[in-house]
Protein backbone atom coordinates (compact mmCIF):
# COMPACT_ATOMS: atom_id res chain seq x y z
CA MET A 1 0.08 0.02 -0.07
CA PRO A 2 1.59 3.39 -1.15
CA PRO A 3 2.19 5.77 1.81
CA ARG A 4 -0.11 8.78 2.25
CA ARG A 5 2.75 10.87 3.49
CA VAL A 6 6.46 11.25 2.90
CA LEU A 7 8.72 12.74 5.54
CA ILE A 8 12.11 14.01 4.47
CA LEU A 9 14.44 14.35 7.56
CA GLY A 10 17.27 16.86 6.22
CA HIS A 11 15.23 18.36 3.42
CA THR A 12 17.27 21.59 3.21
CA GLY A 13 20.44 19.53 2.54
CA PHE A 14 21.92 18.83 -1.01
CA ILE A 15 20.01 15.44 -1.57
CA GLY A 16 17.06 16.27 0.67
CA ARG A 17 16.28 19.29 -1.21
CA ARG A 18 16.23 17.85 -4.70
CA LEU A 19 14.31 14.72 -3.40
CA GLU A 20 11.44 17.13 -1.97
CA ALA A 21 11.48 18.92 -5.37
CA ARG A 22 11.27 15.50 -7.27
CA LEU A 23 8.52 14.31 -5.27
CA LYS A 24 6.33 17.34 -5.72
CA GLU A 25 7.05 17.20 -9.38
CA THR A 26 5.82 13.61 -9.70
CA CYS A 27 3.49 12.99 -6.99
CA PRO A 28 1.09 16.02 -6.67
CA ASN A 29 -1.50 14.24 -4.48
CA LEU A 30 1.02 12.94 -1.94
CA GLU A 31 1.61 14.88 1.36
CA ILE A 32 5.19 15.78 1.52
CA VAL A 33 6.73 17.23 4.77
CA GLY A 34 10.24 18.29 5.08
CA LEU A 35 12.14 18.79 8.52
CA SER A 36 15.51 20.32 8.84
CA SER A 37 17.59 19.87 11.91
CA SER A 38 16.61 23.13 13.29
CA GLU A 39 12.85 21.90 13.03
CA LEU A 40 13.60 18.46 14.42
CA ASP A 41 16.73 17.96 16.67
CA LEU A 42 16.99 14.16 16.80
CA ASN A 43 18.67 14.45 20.07
CA ASP A 44 16.37 16.69 21.85
CA GLN A 45 13.24 14.92 23.54
CA GLU A 46 11.19 18.08 23.46
CA SER A 47 11.94 18.81 19.83
CA ALA A 48 11.19 14.98 19.00
CA ALA A 49 7.93 15.09 20.95
CA ARG A 50 6.63 18.27 18.81
CA SER A 51 7.04 16.08 15.56
CA ARG A 52 5.84 12.73 16.93
CA GLY A 53 2.43 13.16 15.08
CA LEU A 54 4.33 12.94 11.61
CA PHE A 55 5.56 9.42 12.26
CA THR A 56 2.63 7.25 11.52
CA PRO A 57 2.12 3.71 9.79
CA GLU A 58 1.01 5.65 6.59
CA THR A 59 4.24 7.59 6.35
CA ALA A 60 7.42 6.79 4.57
CA VAL A 61 10.54 8.44 5.87
CA ALA A 62 13.63 9.60 3.82
CA PHE A 63 16.50 9.94 6.38
CA CYS A 64 18.94 12.39 4.66
CA SER A 65 20.20 14.13 7.58
CA ALA A 66 24.01 13.88 8.01
CA VAL A 67 27.32 15.71 8.77
CA LYS A 68 29.10 15.51 5.33
CA ARG A 69 32.65 14.54 4.95
CA GLN A 70 33.52 18.07 3.42
CA PHE A 71 32.98 19.56 7.00
CA GLY A 72 35.39 17.04 8.75
CA ASP A 73 36.08 13.40 8.91
CA ASP A 74 36.88 12.81 12.48
CA LEU A 75 35.56 11.33 15.82
CA GLU A 76 33.40 14.49 16.35
CA SER A 77 31.65 14.18 13.08
CA PHE A 78 31.24 10.29 13.83
CA SER A 79 29.67 11.04 16.98
CA ARG A 80 27.20 13.57 15.71
CA ASN A 81 26.05 11.28 12.91
CA LEU A 82 25.76 8.27 15.18
CA ALA A 83 23.68 10.61 17.63
CA MET A 84 21.26 11.47 14.87
CA THR A 85 20.63 7.75 14.12
CA LEU A 86 20.16 7.03 17.76
CA GLY A 87 17.72 9.70 18.03
CA LEU A 88 15.67 8.47 15.15
CA CYS A 89 15.69 5.03 16.48
CA ARG A 90 14.28 6.15 19.66
CA ILE A 91 11.43 7.87 17.83
CA LEU A 92 10.83 4.90 15.61
CA LYS A 93 10.79 2.56 18.58
CA GLU A 94 7.71 4.29 19.86
CA ARG A 95 6.25 5.57 16.60
CA PRO A 96 6.64 2.95 13.74
CA VAL A 97 6.46 4.15 10.09
CA ALA A 98 5.47 2.32 6.87
CA ARG A 99 8.88 2.49 5.47
CA LEU A 100 12.21 3.98 6.02
CA VAL A 101 14.71 4.92 3.27
CA TYR A 102 18.25 5.75 4.40
CA LEU A 103 20.76 7.73 2.43
CA SER A 104 23.96 5.93 3.20
CA SER A 105 27.19 5.94 1.08
CA ALA A 106 29.35 3.76 -0.91
CA ALA A 107 32.25 4.86 1.53
CA VAL A 108 31.21 1.75 3.50
CA TYR A 109 33.24 -0.34 1.01
CA GLY A 110 36.42 1.56 1.74
CA GLU A 111 37.66 4.59 -0.05
CA ASP A 112 41.08 3.18 -0.39
CA VAL A 113 39.97 -0.33 -1.51
CA HIS A 114 40.63 -1.19 -5.26
CA ASN A 115 37.49 -2.81 -6.73
CA LEU A 116 36.02 -2.38 -10.16
CA ARG A 117 32.93 -4.50 -9.67
CA ILE A 118 31.52 -3.25 -6.45
CA THR A 119 28.02 -4.96 -5.71
CA GLU A 120 25.69 -5.08 -2.69
CA ARG A 121 27.57 -8.28 -1.67
CA THR A 122 30.93 -6.67 -1.61
CA PRO A 123 32.31 -6.77 1.98
CA VAL A 124 32.03 -3.40 3.97
CA ILE A 125 35.57 -2.19 5.00
CA PRO A 126 34.92 1.43 6.05
CA ARG A 127 38.25 3.25 6.21
CA SER A 128 36.96 6.66 7.36
CA TYR A 129 34.92 8.05 10.19
CA TYR A 130 32.18 8.99 7.65
CA GLY A 131 32.04 5.49 6.27
CA ALA A 132 31.97 3.94 9.77
CA ALA A 133 29.09 6.09 10.82
CA LYS A 134 27.19 4.92 7.83
CA ILE A 135 27.61 1.31 8.29
CA ALA A 136 26.79 1.83 12.15
CA ALA A 137 23.54 3.48 11.20
CA GLU A 138 22.58 0.79 8.56
CA THR A 139 23.26 -1.86 11.39
CA LEU A 140 21.16 0.00 14.04
CA LEU A 141 18.26 0.64 11.65
CA THR A 142 18.30 -2.72 10.06
CA ARG A 143 17.95 -4.19 13.63
CA LEU A 144 15.24 -1.98 14.85
CA LEU A 145 13.01 -2.38 11.67
CA ALA A 146 13.29 -6.01 11.89
CA GLU A 147 11.32 -5.92 15.04
CA PRO A 148 7.55 -6.90 15.05
CA GLY A 149 5.37 -4.08 14.04
CA GLN A 150 8.13 -1.85 12.27
CA GLY A 151 7.98 -1.10 8.79
CA SER A 152 10.23 -1.99 5.69
CA PHE A 153 13.71 -0.67 5.35
CA VAL A 154 15.92 0.45 2.32
CA SER A 155 19.49 1.66 2.59
CA LEU A 156 20.80 3.38 -0.51
CA ARG A 157 24.53 3.63 -1.13
CA PRO A 158 25.61 6.19 -3.67
CA PRO A 159 29.14 7.08 -4.64
CA MET A 160 30.32 10.68 -4.98
CA VAL A 161 27.33 12.93 -5.86
CA TYR A 162 27.53 16.39 -7.66
CA GLY A 163 25.13 18.78 -9.18
CA PRO A 164 23.54 22.25 -8.88
CA GLY A 165 22.88 23.30 -5.33
CA GLU A 166 25.96 21.60 -3.71
CA ARG A 167 26.91 24.14 -1.15
CA VAL A 168 30.51 22.78 -0.48
CA PRO A 169 31.37 20.57 -3.36
CA ALA A 170 33.40 17.55 -2.86
CA TYR A 171 36.60 16.68 -4.69
CA GLY A 172 35.19 15.89 -8.19
CA PRO A 173 33.19 17.48 -11.00
CA GLY A 174 31.44 19.86 -8.63
CA ARG A 175 34.51 21.38 -7.22
CA PHE A 176 36.15 21.48 -10.69
CA VAL A 177 33.27 23.40 -11.88
CA SER A 178 33.59 25.80 -8.84
CA ASP A 179 37.29 26.25 -9.35
CA ILE A 180 37.19 26.75 -13.22
CA LEU A 181 34.54 29.32 -12.92
CA ALA A 182 36.29 31.22 -10.27
CA GLY A 183 39.53 31.04 -12.01
CA ARG A 184 41.14 29.00 -9.23
CA GLU A 185 43.98 26.60 -9.55
CA ILE A 186 42.84 22.88 -9.43
CA THR A 187 44.69 20.68 -7.17
CA LEU A 188 44.82 17.04 -7.93
CA TRP A 189 45.91 14.25 -5.67
CA GLY A 190 48.60 12.35 -7.56
CA ASP A 191 48.18 12.30 -11.47
CA GLY A 192 44.25 12.26 -11.20
CA SER A 193 44.06 9.05 -13.12
CA GLU A 194 42.25 7.00 -10.47
CA ARG A 195 38.69 6.19 -11.56
CA ARG A 196 35.48 6.81 -9.60
CA GLU A 197 31.78 6.98 -10.41
CA PHE A 198 30.41 10.53 -10.35
CA LEU A 199 26.68 10.43 -9.81
CA PHE A 200 24.34 13.39 -10.75
CA ILE A 201 22.03 14.56 -7.98
CA ASP A 202 18.82 14.00 -10.00
CA ASP A 203 19.80 10.28 -10.41
CA VAL A 204 20.00 10.03 -6.79
CA ALA A 205 16.68 11.87 -6.06
CA GLU A 206 14.78 9.80 -8.62
CA THR A 207 16.34 6.49 -7.13
CA ALA A 208 15.28 7.68 -3.42
CA ARG A 209 11.77 8.58 -4.87
CA ARG A 210 11.06 5.11 -6.24
CA SER A 211 12.59 3.53 -3.13
CA LEU A 212 10.11 5.54 -0.99
CA LEU A 213 7.10 4.30 -3.01
CA GLY A 214 8.25 0.75 -3.68
CA ASP A 215 8.24 -2.41 -1.85
CA PHE A 216 11.96 -3.60 -1.89
CA SER A 217 13.72 -4.04 1.39
CA GLY A 218 17.39 -4.28 1.72
CA ILE A 219 20.56 -2.53 0.37
CA VAL A 220 20.96 -0.99 -2.98
CA ASN A 221 24.04 0.75 -4.58
CA ILE A 222 22.80 3.83 -6.61
CA ALA A 223 25.36 3.58 -9.55
CA ALA A 224 25.30 3.95 -13.30
CA GLY A 225 28.16 1.55 -13.64
CA VAL A 226 30.29 3.97 -15.52
CA SER A 227 33.66 5.22 -13.97
CA TYR A 228 35.71 8.19 -14.81
CA SER A 229 39.22 9.57 -13.99
CA PHE A 230 39.54 12.93 -12.23
CA THR A 231 41.36 14.25 -15.35
CA GLU A 232 38.76 13.18 -17.53
CA ALA A 233 36.11 15.25 -15.31
CA ILE A 234 38.45 18.19 -15.43
CA ASP A 235 38.55 17.78 -19.52
CA VAL A 236 34.78 17.84 -19.58
CA VAL A 237 34.33 20.76 -17.48
CA SER A 238 36.99 22.58 -19.29
CA ARG A 239 35.55 21.79 -22.76
CA LEU A 240 32.04 22.82 -21.69
CA THR A 241 33.30 26.09 -20.17
CA GLY A 242 35.82 26.86 -22.71
CA ARG A 243 38.41 27.38 -19.96
CA ARG A 244 41.46 25.68 -19.26
CA PRO A 245 42.46 25.72 -15.64
CA ARG A 246 45.95 25.60 -13.95
CA ILE A 247 46.41 22.26 -12.46
CA THR A 248 48.90 21.33 -9.70
CA SER A 249 49.53 17.99 -8.20
CA ARG A 250 49.96 16.87 -4.64
CA PRO A 251 51.38 13.51 -3.65
CA ARG A 252 48.79 10.97 -2.84
CA THR A 253 48.36 10.24 0.89
CA LYS A 254 47.47 6.71 0.10
CA GLY A 255 47.83 4.14 -2.72
CA LYS A 256 46.14 4.62 -6.05
CA VAL A 257 42.88 2.56 -6.27
CA ASP A 258 40.03 2.51 -8.81
CA HIS A 259 36.25 2.06 -8.17
CA GLY A 260 33.60 0.59 -10.22
CA PHE A 261 30.15 -0.72 -9.78
CA ASP A 262 27.92 -3.55 -11.01
CA ASN A 263 24.47 -2.09 -10.92
CA SER A 264 22.56 -5.15 -11.92
CA LEU A 265 20.28 -5.06 -8.77
CA LEU A 266 19.27 -1.41 -9.28
CA THR A 267 18.49 -1.92 -13.00
CA GLY A 268 16.31 -4.95 -12.12
CA LEU A 269 14.43 -3.04 -9.43
CA ALA A 270 14.12 0.29 -11.31
CA PRO A 271 13.30 -0.74 -14.93
CA GLY A 272 13.44 2.43 -17.21
CA LEU A 273 15.68 4.34 -14.73
CA GLU A 274 18.07 6.47 -16.88
CA PHE A 275 21.34 7.94 -15.68
CA THR A 276 22.90 11.24 -16.59
CA SER A 277 26.21 11.20 -18.39
CA LEU A 278 29.07 13.11 -17.01
CA ASP A 279 28.77 15.58 -20.00
CA GLU A 280 24.99 16.18 -19.30
CA GLY A 281 25.51 16.41 -15.46
CA VAL A 282 28.26 18.98 -15.86
CA GLU A 283 26.18 21.01 -18.47
CA LYS A 284 23.28 20.99 -15.87
CA THR A 285 25.57 21.95 -13.10
CA LEU A 286 26.82 24.97 -15.17
CA ALA A 287 23.25 25.86 -15.98
CA GLY A 288 22.23 25.72 -12.45
CA ARG A 289 25.09 28.03 -11.34
CA ALA A 290 24.39 30.51 -14.12
CA GLY A 291 20.63 30.44 -12.99
CA SER A 292 21.47 31.16 -9.32
CA GLY A 293 23.91 33.94 -10.36
CA SER A 294 27.03 32.15 -9.03
CA ALA A 295 28.64 31.64 -12.46
């Protein structure tokens, strides 16, 4: 039975904001409620009590709240991310919902682990506080939602996400767009030849939307199955802007590894789901910056 309401926790963040917009575009008859951390502090009992009525058996919840890596990857950020998960668990324990979709991360597989065919069965080896917090959250939520009376659970694991609206772009296409438009020098780690999947924000939002309204339970990697090097990403941005940046290189702090994904599970669950190419994603990112006046 489809949910009557979708509740987005972290709706002012990069992914939550686009997910909310996508739901409003495609589901005009669905009640959509967004709560930011200032509106619902998951660690404050009074704040949680004010929002209890939104957690019902007819509600699907998207858990997008997180302290991102760009703001620090340390014990403090791990503690804050874990505290948010524990706060949500306390609410769900008393107020079960129909479905919970958690925005996890492919960081659980280990940022410095070489693997060109990552699947949902790939062992998790988090090598960062961020990745460790994500797998800890998955474990806690999986355990809680397995209890009688609880709803279904989906954990989505995207790789690096970029696109318009990214306030602090991560090392990748989003940052390269910002640096090139600002005339800044680009700093590469090593020679930039390592391969990663760069996922456009709209593809994440659409997959999350389908997950909220679907019936699959479990873990899903959000991936197109196409990897690019960082130098290829710079070349795409350079070609589309007509600007060639100055590039410097710093020694890698870890060994060179490549990442790639086998997205067979996702394509089977979401027939017709189309992914945005790097060229198209960078074009849309540039258009978004021009539209916001930040170009």
